[in-house]
Amino acid sequence: MNALSLFTAREKEIYVLSVKGMGCKQIASELGISPNTVKKYRSRLMQKAGAGNMVELAGRMAGEKKQAA
């Protein structure tokens, strides 16, 4: 099972916008939520994937996509 399958729909939205380079304030504005909520979602994403930061998370997710192919 890959980490992406453990993410909720909202967590997936946050992840996609984050890897596109958007910051917390930009994501919050896009989704109509507070920047602190975005930070909490990012924290949960990293925890579920066992990543220490968003760069590591993106790298892990890219690695899983390559393994699945």
C-alpha atoms as a PDB file:
ATOM      1  CA  MET A   1       0.000   0.000   0.000  1.00  0.00           C
ATOM      2  CA  ASN A   2       1.416   3.407  -0.887  1.00  0.00           C
ATOM      3  CA  ALA A   3       1.307   6.500   1.302  1.00  0.00           C
ATOM      4  CA  LEU A   4      -0.923   8.378  -1.143  1.00  0.00           C
ATOM      5  CA  SER A   5      -3.720   5.873  -0.540  1.00  0.00           C
ATOM      6  CA  LEU A   6      -3.608   6.802   3.169  1.00  0.00           C
ATOM      7  CA  PHE A   7      -4.306  10.478   2.465  1.00  0.00           C
ATOM      8  CA  THR A   8      -7.765  11.988   2.680  1.00  0.00           C
ATOM      9  CA  ALA A   9      -9.147  13.930  -0.283  1.00  0.00           C
ATOM     10  CA  ARG A  10      -8.241  17.239   1.389  1.00  0.00           C
ATOM     11  CA  GLU A  11      -4.729  16.007   2.218  1.00  0.00           C
ATOM     12  CA  LYS A  12      -4.261  15.045  -1.430  1.00  0.00           C
ATOM     13  CA  GLU A  13      -5.337  18.563  -2.470  1.00  0.00           C
ATOM     14  CA  ILE A  14      -2.826  20.095  -0.063  1.00  0.00           C
ATOM     15  CA  TYR A  15      -0.097  17.745  -1.299  1.00  0.00           C
ATOM     16  CA  VAL A  16      -0.711  18.521  -4.985  1.00  0.00           C
ATOM     17  CA  LEU A  17      -0.730  22.279  -4.420  1.00  0.00           C
ATOM     18  CA  SER A  18       2.387  22.031  -2.243  1.00  0.00           C
ATOM     19  CA  VAL A  19       4.416  20.153  -4.838  1.00  0.00           C
ATOM     20  CA  LYS A  20       3.346  22.743  -7.398  1.00  0.00           C
ATOM     21  CA  GLY A  21       5.290  25.202  -5.250  1.00  0.00           C
ATOM     22  CA  MET A  22       2.452  27.000  -3.517  1.00  0.00           C
ATOM     23  CA  GLY A  23       3.023  28.297   0.011  1.00  0.00           C
ATOM     24  CA  CYS A  24       0.699  27.896   2.966  1.00  0.00           C
ATOM     25  CA  LYS A  25      -0.937  31.292   2.468  1.00  0.00           C
ATOM     26  CA  GLN A  26      -1.502  30.653  -1.252  1.00  0.00           C
ATOM     27  CA  ILE A  27      -2.989  27.209  -0.595  1.00  0.00           C
ATOM     28  CA  ALA A  28      -5.181  28.609   2.163  1.00  0.00           C
ATOM     29  CA  SER A  29      -6.506  31.305  -0.143  1.00  0.00           C
ATOM     30  CA  GLU A  30      -7.101  28.801  -2.961  1.00  0.00           C
ATOM     31  CA  LEU A  31      -9.036  26.410  -0.696  1.00  0.00           C
ATOM     32  CA  GLY A  32     -10.756  28.962   1.543  1.00  0.00           C
ATOM     33  CA  ILE A  33      -9.115  27.744   4.749  1.00  0.00           C
ATOM     34  CA  SER A  34      -6.636  29.296   7.183  1.00  0.00           C
ATOM     35  CA  PRO A  35      -2.856  29.023   6.729  1.00  0.00           C
ATOM     36  CA  ASN A  36      -2.663  27.269  10.101  1.00  0.00           C
ATOM     37  CA  THR A  37      -5.028  24.591   8.810  1.00  0.00           C
ATOM     38  CA  VAL A  38      -2.774  24.085   5.800  1.00  0.00           C
ATOM     39  CA  LYS A  39       0.199  23.677   8.141  1.00  0.00           C
ATOM     40  CA  LYS A  40      -1.706  21.045  10.139  1.00  0.00           C
ATOM     41  CA  TYR A  41      -2.571  19.134   6.960  1.00  0.00           C
ATOM     42  CA  ARG A  42       1.054  19.276   5.782  1.00  0.00           C
ATOM     43  CA  SER A  43       2.179  17.976   9.159  1.00  0.00           C
ATOM     44  CA  ARG A  44      -0.255  15.057   8.914  1.00  0.00           C
ATOM     45  CA  LEU A  45       0.909  14.296   5.372  1.00  0.00           C
ATOM     46  CA  MET A  46       4.528  14.115   6.464  1.00  0.00           C
ATOM     47  CA  GLN A  47       3.663  12.007   9.492  1.00  0.00           C
ATOM     48  CA  LYS A  48       1.658   9.492   7.438  1.00  0.00           C
ATOM     49  CA  ALA A  49       4.455   9.187   4.868  1.00  0.00           C
ATOM     50  CA  GLY A  50       7.248   9.160   7.442  1.00  0.00           C
ATOM     51  CA  ALA A  51       8.847  12.266   5.942  1.00  0.00           C
ATOM     52  CA  GLY A  52      10.651  15.014   7.828  1.00  0.00           C
ATOM     53  CA  ASN A  53       9.714  17.846   5.449  1.00  0.00           C
ATOM     54  CA  MET A  54       7.762  18.540   2.261  1.00  0.00           C
ATOM     55  CA  VAL A  55      10.783  18.005   0.000  1.00  0.00           C
ATOM     56  CA  GLU A  56      11.336  14.558   1.493  1.00  0.00           C
ATOM     57  CA  LEU A  57       7.616  13.816   1.157  1.00  0.00           C
ATOM     58  CA  ALA A  58       7.649  14.757  -2.532  1.00  0.00           C
ATOM     59  CA  GLY A  59      10.728  12.570  -3.055  1.00  0.00           C
ATOM     60  CA  ARG A  60       9.099   9.602  -1.343  1.00  0.00           C
ATOM     61  CA  MET A  61       5.918   9.992  -3.353  1.00  0.00           C
ATOM     62  CA  ALA A  62       7.920  10.222  -6.608  1.00  0.00           C
ATOM     63  CA  GLY A  63       9.807   7.070  -5.597  1.00  0.00           C
ATOM     64  CA  GLU A  64       6.566   5.204  -4.987  1.00  0.00           C
ATOM     65  CA  LYS A  65       5.243   6.200  -8.406  1.00  0.00           C
ATOM     66  CA  LYS A  66       8.415   4.850 -10.050  1.00  0.00           C
ATOM     67  CA  GLN A  67       8.151   1.547  -8.136  1.00  0.00           C
ATOM     68  CA  ALA A  68       4.501   1.149  -9.137  1.00  0.00           C
ATOM     69  CA  ALA A  69       5.295   1.620 -12.838  1.00  0.00           C
END
